[in-house]
mmCIF file of all heavy atoms, coordinates in Angstrom:
data_MODEL
# 
_entry.id   MODEL 
# 
loop_
_atom_site.group_PDB 
_atom_site.id 
_atom_site.type_symbol 
_atom_site.label_atom_id 
_atom_site.label_alt_id 
_atom_site.label_comp_id 
_atom_site.label_asym_id 
_atom_site.label_entity_id 
_atom_site.label_seq_id 
_atom_site.pdbx_PDB_ins_code 
_atom_site.Cartn_x 
_atom_site.Cartn_y 
_atom_site.Cartn_z 
_atom_site.occupancy 
_atom_site.B_iso_or_equiv 
_atom_site.pdbx_formal_charge 
_atom_site.auth_seq_id 
_atom_site.auth_comp_id 
_atom_site.auth_asym_id 
_atom_site.auth_atom_id 
_atom_site.pdbx_PDB_model_num 
ATOM 1   N N   . VAL A 1 1  ? 3.667   -0.100  13.058  1.00 0.00 ? 1  VAL A N   1 
ATOM 2   C CA  . VAL A 1 1  ? 3.425   1.022   12.147  1.00 0.00 ? 1  VAL A CA  1 
ATOM 3   C C   . VAL A 1 1  ? 2.620   2.068   12.905  1.00 0.00 ? 1  VAL A C   1 
ATOM 4   O O   . VAL A 1 1  ? 1.445   1.882   13.206  1.00 0.00 ? 1  VAL A O   1 
ATOM 5   C CB  . VAL A 1 1  ? 2.659   0.566   10.886  1.00 0.00 ? 1  VAL A CB  1 
ATOM 6   C CG1 . VAL A 1 1  ? 2.310   1.765   10.020  1.00 0.00 ? 1  VAL A CG1 1 
ATOM 7   C CG2 . VAL A 1 1  ? 3.505   -0.422  10.097  1.00 0.00 ? 1  VAL A CG2 1 
ATOM 8   N N   . ASN A 1 2  ? 3.273   3.162   13.231  1.00 0.00 ? 2  ASN A N   1 
ATOM 9   C CA  . ASN A 1 2  ? 2.660   4.222   14.029  1.00 0.00 ? 2  ASN A CA  1 
ATOM 10  C C   . ASN A 1 2  ? 2.975   5.560   13.385  1.00 0.00 ? 2  ASN A C   1 
ATOM 11  O O   . ASN A 1 2  ? 3.519   6.460   14.000  1.00 0.00 ? 2  ASN A O   1 
ATOM 12  C CB  . ASN A 1 2  ? 3.168   4.166   15.476  1.00 0.00 ? 2  ASN A CB  1 
ATOM 13  C CG  . ASN A 1 2  ? 2.422   5.115   16.377  1.00 0.00 ? 2  ASN A CG  1 
ATOM 14  O OD1 . ASN A 1 2  ? 1.243   5.389   16.156  1.00 0.00 ? 2  ASN A OD1 1 
ATOM 15  N ND2 . ASN A 1 2  ? 3.101   5.648   17.382  1.00 0.00 ? 2  ASN A ND2 1 
ATOM 16  N N   . THR A 1 3  ? 2.619   5.662   12.122  1.00 0.00 ? 3  THR A N   1 
ATOM 17  C CA  . THR A 1 3  ? 2.964   6.851   11.356  1.00 0.00 ? 3  THR A CA  1 
ATOM 18  C C   . THR A 1 3  ? 1.861   7.151   10.364  1.00 0.00 ? 3  THR A C   1 
ATOM 19  O O   . THR A 1 3  ? 0.988   6.316   10.097  1.00 0.00 ? 3  THR A O   1 
ATOM 20  C CB  . THR A 1 3  ? 4.294   6.632   10.605  1.00 0.00 ? 3  THR A CB  1 
ATOM 21  O OG1 . THR A 1 3  ? 4.670   7.855   9.955   1.00 0.00 ? 3  THR A OG1 1 
ATOM 22  C CG2 . THR A 1 3  ? 4.148   5.543   9.546   1.00 0.00 ? 3  THR A CG2 1 
ATOM 23  N N   . GLU A 1 4  ? 1.866   8.353   9.832   1.00 0.00 ? 4  GLU A N   1 
ATOM 24  C CA  . GLU A 1 4  ? 0.882   8.719   8.822   1.00 0.00 ? 4  GLU A CA  1 
ATOM 25  C C   . GLU A 1 4  ? 1.194   8.007   7.503   1.00 0.00 ? 4  GLU A C   1 
ATOM 26  O O   . GLU A 1 4  ? 2.341   7.970   7.060   1.00 0.00 ? 4  GLU A O   1 
ATOM 27  C CB  . GLU A 1 4  ? 0.873   10.230  8.622   1.00 0.00 ? 4  GLU A CB  1 
ATOM 28  C CG  . GLU A 1 4  ? 0.389   10.991  9.844   1.00 0.00 ? 4  GLU A CG  1 
ATOM 29  C CD  . GLU A 1 4  ? 0.293   12.479  9.596   1.00 0.00 ? 4  GLU A CD  1 
ATOM 30  O OE1 . GLU A 1 4  ? 1.020   12.969  8.715   1.00 0.00 ? 4  GLU A OE1 1 
ATOM 31  O OE2 . GLU A 1 4  ? -0.499  13.140  10.283  1.00 0.00 ? 4  GLU A OE2 1 
ATOM 32  N N   . LEU A 1 5  ? 0.170   7.466   6.879   1.00 0.00 ? 5  LEU A N   1 
ATOM 33  C CA  . LEU A 1 5  ? 0.289   6.845   5.564   1.00 0.00 ? 5  LEU A CA  1 
ATOM 34  C C   . LEU A 1 5  ? -0.160  7.865   4.526   1.00 0.00 ? 5  LEU A C   1 
ATOM 35  O O   . LEU A 1 5  ? -1.259  8.419   4.611   1.00 0.00 ? 5  LEU A O   1 
ATOM 36  C CB  . LEU A 1 5  ? -0.562  5.578   5.488   1.00 0.00 ? 5  LEU A CB  1 
ATOM 37  C CG  . LEU A 1 5  ? -0.198  4.495   6.508   1.00 0.00 ? 5  LEU A CG  1 
ATOM 38  C CD1 . LEU A 1 5  ? -1.168  3.331   6.416   1.00 0.00 ? 5  LEU A CD1 1 
ATOM 39  C CD2 . LEU A 1 5  ? 1.233   4.016   6.308   1.00 0.00 ? 5  LEU A CD2 1 
ATOM 40  N N   . ARG A 1 6  ? 0.685   8.113   3.521   1.00 0.00 ? 6  ARG A N   1 
ATOM 41  C CA  . ARG A 1 6  ? 0.460   9.238   2.623   1.00 0.00 ? 6  ARG A CA  1 
ATOM 42  C C   . ARG A 1 6  ? 0.174   8.860   1.172   1.00 0.00 ? 6  ARG A C   1 
ATOM 43  O O   . ARG A 1 6  ? -0.205  9.725   0.382   1.00 0.00 ? 6  ARG A O   1 
ATOM 44  C CB  . ARG A 1 6  ? 1.667   10.181  2.660   1.00 0.00 ? 6  ARG A CB  1 
ATOM 45  C CG  . ARG A 1 6  ? 1.920   10.774  4.033   1.00 0.00 ? 6  ARG A CG  1 
ATOM 46  C CD  . ARG A 1 6  ? 3.145   11.664  4.044   1.00 0.00 ? 6  ARG A CD  1 
ATOM 47  N NE  . ARG A 1 6  ? 3.404   12.215  5.361   1.00 0.00 ? 6  ARG A NE  1 
ATOM 48  C CZ  . ARG A 1 6  ? 2.902   13.375  5.813   1.00 0.00 ? 6  ARG A CZ  1 
ATOM 49  N NH1 . ARG A 1 6  ? 2.118   14.086  5.041   1.00 0.00 ? 6  ARG A NH1 1 
ATOM 50  N NH2 . ARG A 1 6  ? 3.204   13.803  7.026   1.00 0.00 ? 6  ARG A NH2 1 
ATOM 51  N N   . GLY A 1 7  ? 0.353   7.606   0.813   1.00 0.00 ? 7  GLY A N   1 
ATOM 52  C CA  . GLY A 1 7  ? 0.103   7.198   -0.561  1.00 0.00 ? 7  GLY A CA  1 
ATOM 53  C C   . GLY A 1 7  ? -0.348  5.761   -0.633  1.00 0.00 ? 7  GLY A C   1 
ATOM 54  O O   . GLY A 1 7  ? 0.014   4.937   0.215   1.00 0.00 ? 7  GLY A O   1 
ATOM 55  N N   . VAL A 1 8  ? -1.156  5.422   -1.648  1.00 0.00 ? 8  VAL A N   1 
ATOM 56  C CA  . VAL A 1 8  ? -1.654  4.062   -1.801  1.00 0.00 ? 8  VAL A CA  1 
ATOM 57  C C   . VAL A 1 8  ? -1.854  3.760   -3.280  1.00 0.00 ? 8  VAL A C   1 
ATOM 58  O O   . VAL A 1 8  ? -2.218  4.645   -4.061  1.00 0.00 ? 8  VAL A O   1 
ATOM 59  C CB  . VAL A 1 8  ? -2.980  3.858   -1.021  1.00 0.00 ? 8  VAL A CB  1 
ATOM 60  C CG1 . VAL A 1 8  ? -4.079  4.781   -1.539  1.00 0.00 ? 8  VAL A CG1 1 
ATOM 61  C CG2 . VAL A 1 8  ? -3.426  2.402   -1.066  1.00 0.00 ? 8  VAL A CG2 1 
ATOM 62  N N   . ASP A 1 9  ? -1.583  2.513   -3.655  1.00 0.00 ? 9  ASP A N   1 
ATOM 63  C CA  . ASP A 1 9  ? -1.780  2.103   -5.043  1.00 0.00 ? 9  ASP A CA  1 
ATOM 64  C C   . ASP A 1 9  ? -2.138  0.626   -5.080  1.00 0.00 ? 9  ASP A C   1 
ATOM 65  O O   . ASP A 1 9  ? -1.537  -0.190  -4.368  1.00 0.00 ? 9  ASP A O   1 
ATOM 66  C CB  . ASP A 1 9  ? -0.520  2.351   -5.875  1.00 0.00 ? 9  ASP A CB  1 
ATOM 67  C CG  . ASP A 1 9  ? -0.758  2.099   -7.358  1.00 0.00 ? 9  ASP A CG  1 
ATOM 68  O OD1 . ASP A 1 9  ? -1.653  2.754   -7.926  1.00 0.00 ? 9  ASP A OD1 1 
ATOM 69  O OD2 . ASP A 1 9  ? -0.067  1.250   -7.945  1.00 0.00 ? 9  ASP A OD2 1 
ATOM 70  N N   . PHE A 1 10 ? -3.141  0.284   -5.901  1.00 0.00 ? 10 PHE A N   1 
ATOM 71  C CA  . PHE A 1 10 ? -3.569  -1.096  -6.062  1.00 0.00 ? 10 PHE A CA  1 
ATOM 72  C C   . PHE A 1 10 ? -3.317  -1.546  -7.497  1.00 0.00 ? 10 PHE A C   1 
ATOM 73  O O   . PHE A 1 10 ? -3.523  -0.778  -8.447  1.00 0.00 ? 10 PHE A O   1 
ATOM 74  C CB  . PHE A 1 10 ? -5.048  -1.248  -5.719  1.00 0.00 ? 10 PHE A CB  1 
ATOM 75  C CG  . PHE A 1 10 ? -5.309  -1.460  -4.253  1.00 0.00 ? 10 PHE A CG  1 
ATOM 76  C CD1 . PHE A 1 10 ? -5.224  -0.396  -3.365  1.00 0.00 ? 10 PHE A CD1 1 
ATOM 77  C CD2 . PHE A 1 10 ? -5.623  -2.714  -3.762  1.00 0.00 ? 10 PHE A CD2 1 
ATOM 78  C CE1 . PHE A 1 10 ? -5.448  -0.585  -2.007  1.00 0.00 ? 10 PHE A CE1 1 
ATOM 79  C CE2 . PHE A 1 10 ? -5.846  -2.916  -2.410  1.00 0.00 ? 10 PHE A CE2 1 
ATOM 80  C CZ  . PHE A 1 10 ? -5.763  -1.850  -1.536  1.00 0.00 ? 10 PHE A CZ  1 
ATOM 81  N N   . VAL A 1 11 ? -2.869  -2.786  -7.637  1.00 0.00 ? 11 VAL A N   1 
ATOM 82  C CA  . VAL A 1 11 ? -2.606  -3.395  -8.930  1.00 0.00 ? 11 VAL A CA  1 
ATOM 83  C C   . VAL A 1 11 ? -3.546  -4.571  -9.112  1.00 0.00 ? 11 VAL A C   1 
ATOM 84  O O   . VAL A 1 11 ? -3.599  -5.468  -8.259  1.00 0.00 ? 11 VAL A O   1 
ATOM 85  C CB  . VAL A 1 11 ? -1.138  -3.866  -9.044  1.00 0.00 ? 11 VAL A CB  1 
ATOM 86  C CG1 . VAL A 1 11 ? -0.892  -4.494  -10.405 1.00 0.00 ? 11 VAL A CG1 1 
ATOM 87  C CG2 . VAL A 1 11 ? -0.185  -2.711  -8.787  1.00 0.00 ? 11 VAL A CG2 1 
ATOM 88  N N   . ASP A 1 12 ? -4.278  -4.580  -10.218 1.00 0.00 ? 12 ASP A N   1 
ATOM 89  C CA  . ASP A 1 12 ? -5.200  -5.674  -10.514 1.00 0.00 ? 12 ASP A CA  1 
ATOM 90  C C   . ASP A 1 12 ? -4.405  -6.908  -10.892 1.00 0.00 ? 12 ASP A C   1 
ATOM 91  O O   . ASP A 1 12 ? -3.649  -6.897  -11.868 1.00 0.00 ? 12 ASP A O   1 
ATOM 92  C CB  . ASP A 1 12 ? -6.131  -5.263  -11.654 1.00 0.00 ? 12 ASP A CB  1 
ATOM 93  C CG  . ASP A 1 12 ? -7.276  -6.248  -11.858 1.00 0.00 ? 12 ASP A CG  1 
ATOM 94  O OD1 . ASP A 1 12 ? -7.229  -7.343  -11.273 1.00 0.00 ? 12 ASP A OD1 1 
ATOM 95  O OD2 . ASP A 1 12 ? -8.202  -5.910  -12.618 1.00 0.00 ? 12 ASP A OD2 1 
ATOM 96  N N   . THR A 1 13 ? -4.570  -7.985  -10.126 1.00 0.00 ? 13 THR A N   1 
ATOM 97  C CA  . THR A 1 13 ? -3.840  -9.222  -10.406 1.00 0.00 ? 13 THR A CA  1 
ATOM 98  C C   . THR A 1 13 ? -4.714  -10.265 -11.078 1.00 0.00 ? 13 THR A C   1 
ATOM 99  O O   . THR A 1 13 ? -4.300  -11.405 -11.269 1.00 0.00 ? 13 THR A O   1 
ATOM 100 C CB  . THR A 1 13 ? -3.260  -9.806  -9.102  1.00 0.00 ? 13 THR A CB  1 
ATOM 101 O OG1 . THR A 1 13 ? -4.316  -9.983  -8.149  1.00 0.00 ? 13 THR A OG1 1 
ATOM 102 C CG2 . THR A 1 13 ? -2.208  -8.876  -8.519  1.00 0.00 ? 13 THR A CG2 1 
ATOM 103 N N   . GLY A 1 14 ? -5.941  -9.889  -11.444 1.00 0.00 ? 14 GLY A N   1 
ATOM 104 C CA  . GLY A 1 14 ? -6.832  -10.788 -12.158 1.00 0.00 ? 14 GLY A CA  1 
ATOM 105 C C   . GLY A 1 14 ? -7.656  -11.656 -11.237 1.00 0.00 ? 14 GLY A C   1 
ATOM 106 O O   . GLY A 1 14 ? -7.325  -11.861 -10.065 1.00 0.00 ? 14 GLY A O   1 
ATOM 107 N N   . GLY A 1 15 ? -8.756  -12.162 -11.772 1.00 0.00 ? 15 GLY A N   1 
ATOM 108 C CA  . GLY A 1 15 ? -9.603  -13.053 -10.999 1.00 0.00 ? 15 GLY A CA  1 
ATOM 109 C C   . GLY A 1 15 ? -10.295 -12.393 -9.836  1.00 0.00 ? 15 GLY A C   1 
ATOM 110 O O   . GLY A 1 15 ? -10.637 -13.065 -8.854  1.00 0.00 ? 15 GLY A O   1 
ATOM 111 N N   . GLY A 1 16 ? -10.504 -11.078 -9.921  1.00 0.00 ? 16 GLY A N   1 
ATOM 112 C CA  . GLY A 1 16 ? -11.180 -10.377 -8.841  1.00 0.00 ? 16 GLY A CA  1 
ATOM 113 C C   . GLY A 1 16 ? -10.321 -10.062 -7.646  1.00 0.00 ? 16 GLY A C   1 
ATOM 114 O O   . GLY A 1 16 ? -10.830 -9.665  -6.596  1.00 0.00 ? 16 GLY A O   1 
ATOM 115 N N   . SER A 1 17 ? -9.018  -10.237 -7.774  1.00 0.00 ? 17 SER A N   1 
ATOM 116 C CA  . SER A 1 17 ? -8.111  -9.944  -6.661  1.00 0.00 ? 17 SER A CA  1 
ATOM 117 C C   . SER A 1 17 ? -7.132  -8.849  -7.058  1.00 0.00 ? 17 SER A C   1 
ATOM 118 O O   . SER A 1 17 ? -6.990  -8.514  -8.235  1.00 0.00 ? 17 SER A O   1 
ATOM 119 C CB  . SER A 1 17 ? -7.344  -11.197 -6.243  1.00 0.00 ? 17 SER A CB  1 
ATOM 120 O OG  . SER A 1 17 ? -6.553  -11.678 -7.315  1.00 0.00 ? 17 SER A OG  1 
ATOM 121 N N   . ALA A 1 18 ? -6.457  -8.288  -6.073  1.00 0.00 ? 18 ALA A N   1 
ATOM 122 C CA  . ALA A 1 18 ? -5.516  -7.202  -6.312  1.00 0.00 ? 18 ALA A CA  1 
ATOM 123 C C   . ALA A 1 18 ? -4.466  -7.182  -5.218  1.00 0.00 ? 18 ALA A C   1 
ATOM 124 O O   . ALA A 1 18 ? -4.664  -7.720  -4.126  1.00 0.00 ? 18 ALA A O   1 
ATOM 125 C CB  . ALA A 1 18 ? -6.233  -5.863  -6.372  1.00 0.00 ? 18 ALA A CB  1 
ATOM 126 N N   . THR A 1 19 ? -3.347  -6.542  -5.524  1.00 0.00 ? 19 THR A N   1 
ATOM 127 C CA  . THR A 1 19 ? -2.292  -6.307  -4.548  1.00 0.00 ? 19 THR A CA  1 
ATOM 128 C C   . THR A 1 19 ? -2.208  -4.813  -4.278  1.00 0.00 ? 19 THR A C   1 
ATOM 129 O O   . THR A 1 19 ? -2.198  -4.011  -5.218  1.00 0.00 ? 19 THR A O   1 
ATOM 130 C CB  . THR A 1 19 ? -0.933  -6.814  -5.057  1.00 0.00 ? 19 THR A CB  1 
ATOM 131 O OG1 . THR A 1 19 ? -1.020  -8.220  -5.287  1.00 0.00 ? 19 THR A OG1 1 
ATOM 132 C CG2 . THR A 1 19 ? 0.172   -6.541  -4.047  1.00 0.00 ? 19 THR A CG2 1 
ATOM 133 N N   . GLY A 1 20 ? -2.177  -4.445  -2.997  1.00 0.00 ? 20 GLY A N   1 
ATOM 134 C CA  . GLY A 1 20 ? -2.132  -3.043  -2.638  1.00 0.00 ? 20 GLY A CA  1 
ATOM 135 C C   . GLY A 1 20 ? -0.880  -2.683  -1.859  1.00 0.00 ? 20 GLY A C   1 
ATOM 136 O O   . GLY A 1 20 ? -0.344  -3.499  -1.101  1.00 0.00 ? 20 GLY A O   1 
ATOM 137 N N   . TYR A 1 21 ? -0.404  -1.463  -2.082  1.00 0.00 ? 21 TYR A N   1 
ATOM 138 C CA  . TYR A 1 21 ? 0.762   -0.937  -1.377  1.00 0.00 ? 21 TYR A CA  1 
ATOM 139 C C   . TYR A 1 21 ? 0.401   0.429   -0.800  1.00 0.00 ? 21 TYR A C   1 
ATOM 140 O O   . TYR A 1 21 ? -0.288  1.228   -1.433  1.00 0.00 ? 21 TYR A O   1 
ATOM 141 C CB  . TYR A 1 21 ? 1.955   -0.765  -2.317  1.00 0.00 ? 21 TYR A CB  1 
ATOM 142 C CG  . TYR A 1 21 ? 2.411   -2.048  -2.973  1.00 0.00 ? 21 TYR A CG  1 
ATOM 143 C CD1 . TYR A 1 21 ? 1.812   -2.499  -4.156  1.00 0.00 ? 21 TYR A CD1 1 
ATOM 144 C CD2 . TYR A 1 21 ? 3.444   -2.821  -2.423  1.00 0.00 ? 21 TYR A CD2 1 
ATOM 145 C CE1 . TYR A 1 21 ? 2.224   -3.677  -4.763  1.00 0.00 ? 21 TYR A CE1 1 
ATOM 146 C CE2 . TYR A 1 21 ? 3.856   -3.992  -3.035  1.00 0.00 ? 21 TYR A CE2 1 
ATOM 147 C CZ  . TYR A 1 21 ? 3.249   -4.411  -4.191  1.00 0.00 ? 21 TYR A CZ  1 
ATOM 148 O OH  . TYR A 1 21 ? 3.649   -5.583  -4.797  1.00 0.00 ? 21 TYR A OH  1 
ATOM 149 N N   . ALA A 1 22 ? 0.885   0.682   0.416   1.00 0.00 ? 22 ALA A N   1 
ATOM 150 C CA  . ALA A 1 22 ? 0.713   2.001   1.036   1.00 0.00 ? 22 ALA A CA  1 
ATOM 151 C C   . ALA A 1 22 ? 2.058   2.445   1.604   1.00 0.00 ? 22 ALA A C   1 
ATOM 152 O O   . ALA A 1 22 ? 2.844   1.611   2.076   1.00 0.00 ? 22 ALA A O   1 
ATOM 153 C CB  . ALA A 1 22 ? -0.334  1.953   2.134   1.00 0.00 ? 22 ALA A CB  1 
ATOM 154 N N   . VAL A 1 23 ? 2.308   3.747   1.543   1.00 0.00 ? 23 VAL A N   1 
ATOM 155 C CA  . VAL A 1 23 ? 3.588   4.278   2.011   1.00 0.00 ? 23 VAL A CA  1 
ATOM 156 C C   . VAL A 1 23 ? 3.331   5.417   2.981   1.00 0.00 ? 23 VAL A C   1 
ATOM 157 O O   . VAL A 1 23 ? 2.291   6.074   2.953   1.00 0.00 ? 23 VAL A O   1 
ATOM 158 C CB  . VAL A 1 23 ? 4.453   4.777   0.832   1.00 0.00 ? 23 VAL A CB  1 
ATOM 159 C CG1 . VAL A 1 23 ? 4.794   3.639   -0.099  1.00 0.00 ? 23 VAL A CG1 1 
ATOM 160 C CG2 . VAL A 1 23 ? 3.735   5.891   0.054   1.00 0.00 ? 23 VAL A CG2 1 
ATOM 161 N N   . GLY A 1 24 ? 4.331   5.624   3.876   1.00 0.00 ? 24 GLY A N   1 
ATOM 162 C CA  . GLY A 1 24 ? 4.160   6.689   4.861   1.00 0.00 ? 24 GLY A CA  1 
ATOM 163 C C   . GLY A 1 24 ? 5.467   7.212   5.395   1.00 0.00 ? 24 GLY A C   1 
ATOM 164 O O   . GLY A 1 24 ? 6.557   6.903   4.876   1.00 0.00 ? 24 GLY A O   1 
ATOM 165 N N   . ASP A 1 25 ? 5.369   8.005   6.447   1.00 0.00 ? 25 ASP A N   1 
ATOM 166 C CA  . ASP A 1 25 ? 6.534   8.656   7.039   1.00 0.00 ? 25 ASP A CA  1 
ATOM 167 C C   . ASP A 1 25 ? 7.527   7.615   7.563   1.00 0.00 ? 25 ASP A C   1 
ATOM 168 O O   . ASP A 1 25 ? 7.158   6.507   7.968   1.00 0.00 ? 25 ASP A O   1 
ATOM 169 C CB  . ASP A 1 25 ? 6.114   9.552   8.184   1.00 0.00 ? 25 ASP A CB  1 
ATOM 170 C CG  . ASP A 1 25 ? 5.255   10.723  7.700   1.00 0.00 ? 25 ASP A CG  1 
ATOM 171 O OD1 . ASP A 1 25 ? 5.164   10.923  6.480   1.00 0.00 ? 25 ASP A OD1 1 
ATOM 172 O OD2 . ASP A 1 25 ? 4.663   11.404  8.560   1.00 0.00 ? 25 ASP A OD2 1 
ATOM 173 N N   . GLY A 1 26 ? 8.810   7.997   7.582   1.00 0.00 ? 26 GLY A N   1 
ATOM 174 C CA  . GLY A 1 26 ? 9.845   7.144   8.147   1.00 0.00 ? 26 GLY A CA  1 
ATOM 175 C C   . GLY A 1 26 ? 10.185  5.930   7.309   1.00 0.00 ? 26 GLY A C   1 
ATOM 176 O O   . GLY A 1 26 ? 10.637  4.921   7.853   1.00 0.00 ? 26 GLY A O   1 
ATOM 177 N N   . GLY A 1 27 ? 9.952   6.014   5.994   1.00 0.00 ? 27 GLY A N   1 
ATOM 178 C CA  . GLY A 1 27 ? 10.298  4.902   5.115   1.00 0.00 ? 27 GLY A CA  1 
ATOM 179 C C   . GLY A 1 27 ? 9.357   3.716   5.202   1.00 0.00 ? 27 GLY A C   1 
ATOM 180 O O   . GLY A 1 27 ? 9.726   2.595   4.807   1.00 0.00 ? 27 GLY A O   1 
ATOM 181 N N   . VAL A 1 28 ? 8.148   3.919   5.695   1.00 0.00 ? 28 VAL A N   1 
ATOM 182 C CA  . VAL A 1 28 ? 7.197   2.821   5.863   1.00 0.00 ? 28 VAL A CA  1 
ATOM 183 C C   . VAL A 1 28 ? 6.566   2.448   4.527   1.00 0.00 ? 28 VAL A C   1 
ATOM 184 O O   . VAL A 1 28 ? 6.059   3.309   3.791   1.00 0.00 ? 28 VAL A O   1 
ATOM 185 C CB  . VAL A 1 28 ? 6.093   3.198   6.865   1.00 0.00 ? 28 VAL A CB  1 
ATOM 186 C CG1 . VAL A 1 28 ? 4.919   2.215   6.795   1.00 0.00 ? 28 VAL A CG1 1 
ATOM 187 C CG2 . VAL A 1 28 ? 6.658   3.252   8.263   1.00 0.00 ? 28 VAL A CG2 1 
ATOM 188 N N   . ILE A 1 29 ? 6.594   1.163   4.204   1.00 0.00 ? 29 ILE A N   1 
ATOM 189 C CA  . ILE A 1 29 ? 5.869   0.593   3.067   1.00 0.00 ? 29 ILE A CA  1 
ATOM 190 C C   . ILE A 1 29 ? 5.155   -0.658  3.574   1.00 0.00 ? 29 ILE A C   1 
ATOM 191 O O   . ILE A 1 29 ? 5.778   -1.539  4.151   1.00 0.00 ? 29 ILE A O   1 
ATOM 192 C CB  . ILE A 1 29 ? 6.810   0.203   1.906   1.00 0.00 ? 29 ILE A CB  1 
ATOM 193 C CG1 . ILE A 1 29 ? 7.595   1.423   1.398   1.00 0.00 ? 29 ILE A CG1 1 
ATOM 194 C CG2 . ILE A 1 29 ? 6.005   -0.416  0.763   1.00 0.00 ? 29 ILE A CG2 1 
ATOM 195 C CD1 . ILE A 1 29 ? 8.592   1.081   0.296   1.00 0.00 ? 29 ILE A CD1 1 
ATOM 196 N N   . ILE A 1 30 ? 3.840   -0.701  3.372   1.00 0.00 ? 30 ILE A N   1 
ATOM 197 C CA  . ILE A 1 30 ? 3.080   -1.893  3.755   1.00 0.00 ? 30 ILE A CA  1 
ATOM 198 C C   . ILE A 1 30 ? 2.371   -2.437  2.517   1.00 0.00 ? 30 ILE A C   1 
ATOM 199 O O   . ILE A 1 30 ? 2.151   -1.719  1.543   1.00 0.00 ? 30 ILE A O   1 
ATOM 200 C CB  . ILE A 1 30 ? 2.059   -1.597  4.876   1.00 0.00 ? 30 ILE A CB  1 
ATOM 201 C CG1 . ILE A 1 30 ? 1.054   -0.533  4.433   1.00 0.00 ? 30 ILE A CG1 1 
ATOM 202 C CG2 . ILE A 1 30 ? 2.772   -1.162  6.148   1.00 0.00 ? 30 ILE A CG2 1 
ATOM 203 C CD1 . ILE A 1 30 ? -0.039  -0.271  5.468   1.00 0.00 ? 30 ILE A CD1 1 
ATOM 204 N N   . LYS A 1 31 ? 2.044   -3.722  2.573   1.00 0.00 ? 31 LYS A N   1 
ATOM 205 C CA  . LYS A 1 31 ? 1.485   -4.415  1.415   1.00 0.00 ? 31 LYS A CA  1 
ATOM 206 C C   . LYS A 1 31 ? 0.331   -5.299  1.862   1.00 0.00 ? 31 LYS A C   1 
ATOM 207 O O   . LYS A 1 31 ? 0.346   -5.869  2.945   1.00 0.00 ? 31 LYS A O   1 
ATOM 208 C CB  . LYS A 1 31 ? 2.573   -5.260  0.758   1.00 0.00 ? 31 LYS A CB  1 
ATOM 209 C CG  . LYS A 1 31 ? 2.107   -6.109  -0.411  1.00 0.00 ? 31 LYS A CG  1 
ATOM 210 C CD  . LYS A 1 31 ? 3.260   -6.944  -0.954  1.00 0.00 ? 31 LYS A CD  1 
ATOM 211 C CE  . LYS A 1 31 ? 2.836   -7.848  -2.100  1.00 0.00 ? 31 LYS A CE  1 
ATOM 212 N NZ  . LYS A 1 31 ? 3.953   -8.683  -2.613  1.00 0.00 ? 31 LYS A NZ  1 
# 
């Protein structure tokens, strides 16, 4: 992953934990 990341969103999954997603140029999605 060698691109700018332009968006991020976290979802509360309960118990003090969460799942996060970030998106960027070139169709990049990381979790």
